[in-house]
Amino acid sequence: MTTNKRFLVRNVVNRISESFKSKHQDHFVMFAFLIRGGEE
């Protein structure tokens, strides 16, 4: 039961993170670029 629930939670989290990545990929890339530029 616990493993099944854990699997379902992981599945939902993966789905949300995937949709978030596809929606905000441009912003994420720009954000990572700004962070890298600020470090140098």
C-alpha atoms as a PDB file:
ATOM      1  CA  MET A   1       0.000   0.000   0.000  1.00  0.00           C
ATOM      2  CA  THR A   2       2.703   2.481   0.955  1.00  0.00           C
ATOM      3  CA  THR A   3       4.836   1.612  -2.064  1.00  0.00           C
ATOM      4  CA  ASN A   4       1.817   1.989  -4.350  1.00  0.00           C
ATOM      5  CA  LYS A   5       0.969   5.386  -2.842  1.00  0.00           C
ATOM      6  CA  ARG A   6       4.588   6.469  -3.126  1.00  0.00           C
ATOM      7  CA  PHE A   7       4.615   5.401  -6.784  1.00  0.00           C
ATOM      8  CA  LEU A   8       1.445   7.400  -7.487  1.00  0.00           C
ATOM      9  CA  VAL A   9       2.879  10.485  -5.801  1.00  0.00           C
ATOM     10  CA  ARG A  10       6.106  10.176  -7.779  1.00  0.00           C
ATOM     11  CA  ASN A  11       4.101   9.769 -10.992  1.00  0.00           C
ATOM     12  CA  VAL A  12       2.094  12.918 -10.312  1.00  0.00           C
ATOM     13  CA  VAL A  13       5.197  14.894  -9.364  1.00  0.00           C
ATOM     14  CA  ASN A  14       6.963  13.778 -12.536  1.00  0.00           C
ATOM     15  CA  ARG A  15       3.979  14.779 -14.663  1.00  0.00           C
ATOM     16  CA  ILE A  16       3.778  18.233 -13.022  1.00  0.00           C
ATOM     17  CA  SER A  17       7.520  18.832 -13.354  1.00  0.00           C
ATOM     18  CA  GLU A  18       7.430  17.767 -17.014  1.00  0.00           C
ATOM     19  CA  SER A  19       4.586  20.166 -17.848  1.00  0.00           C
ATOM     20  CA  PHE A  20       6.346  22.898 -15.875  1.00  0.00           C
ATOM     21  CA  LYS A  21       9.572  22.303 -17.822  1.00  0.00           C
ATOM     22  CA  SER A  22       7.826  22.427 -21.203  1.00  0.00           C
ATOM     23  CA  LYS A  23       5.867  25.568 -20.279  1.00  0.00           C
ATOM     24  CA  HIS A  24       8.717  27.501 -18.690  1.00  0.00           C
ATOM     25  CA  GLN A  25      11.704  26.039 -20.528  1.00  0.00           C
ATOM     26  CA  ASP A  26      12.627  29.377 -22.108  1.00  0.00           C
ATOM     27  CA  HIS A  27      12.437  31.164 -18.754  1.00  0.00           C
ATOM     28  CA  PHE A  28      14.419  28.376 -17.103  1.00  0.00           C
ATOM     29  CA  VAL A  29      17.174  28.517 -19.734  1.00  0.00           C
ATOM     30  CA  MET A  30      17.363  32.306 -19.451  1.00  0.00           C
ATOM     31  CA  PHE A  31      17.445  32.038 -15.651  1.00  0.00           C
ATOM     32  CA  ALA A  32      20.266  29.464 -15.738  1.00  0.00           C
ATOM     33  CA  PHE A  33      22.144  31.639 -18.232  1.00  0.00           C
ATOM     34  CA  LEU A  34      21.814  34.675 -15.945  1.00  0.00           C
ATOM     35  CA  ILE A  35      23.021  32.651 -12.945  1.00  0.00           C
ATOM     36  CA  ARG A  36      26.042  31.393 -14.899  1.00  0.00           C
ATOM     37  CA  GLY A  37      26.804  34.881 -16.156  1.00  0.00           C
ATOM     38  CA  GLY A  38      26.570  36.289 -12.638  1.00  0.00           C
ATOM     39  CA  GLU A  39      28.967  33.661 -11.290  1.00  0.00           C
ATOM     40  CA  GLU A  40      31.715  34.435 -13.784  1.00  0.00           C
END
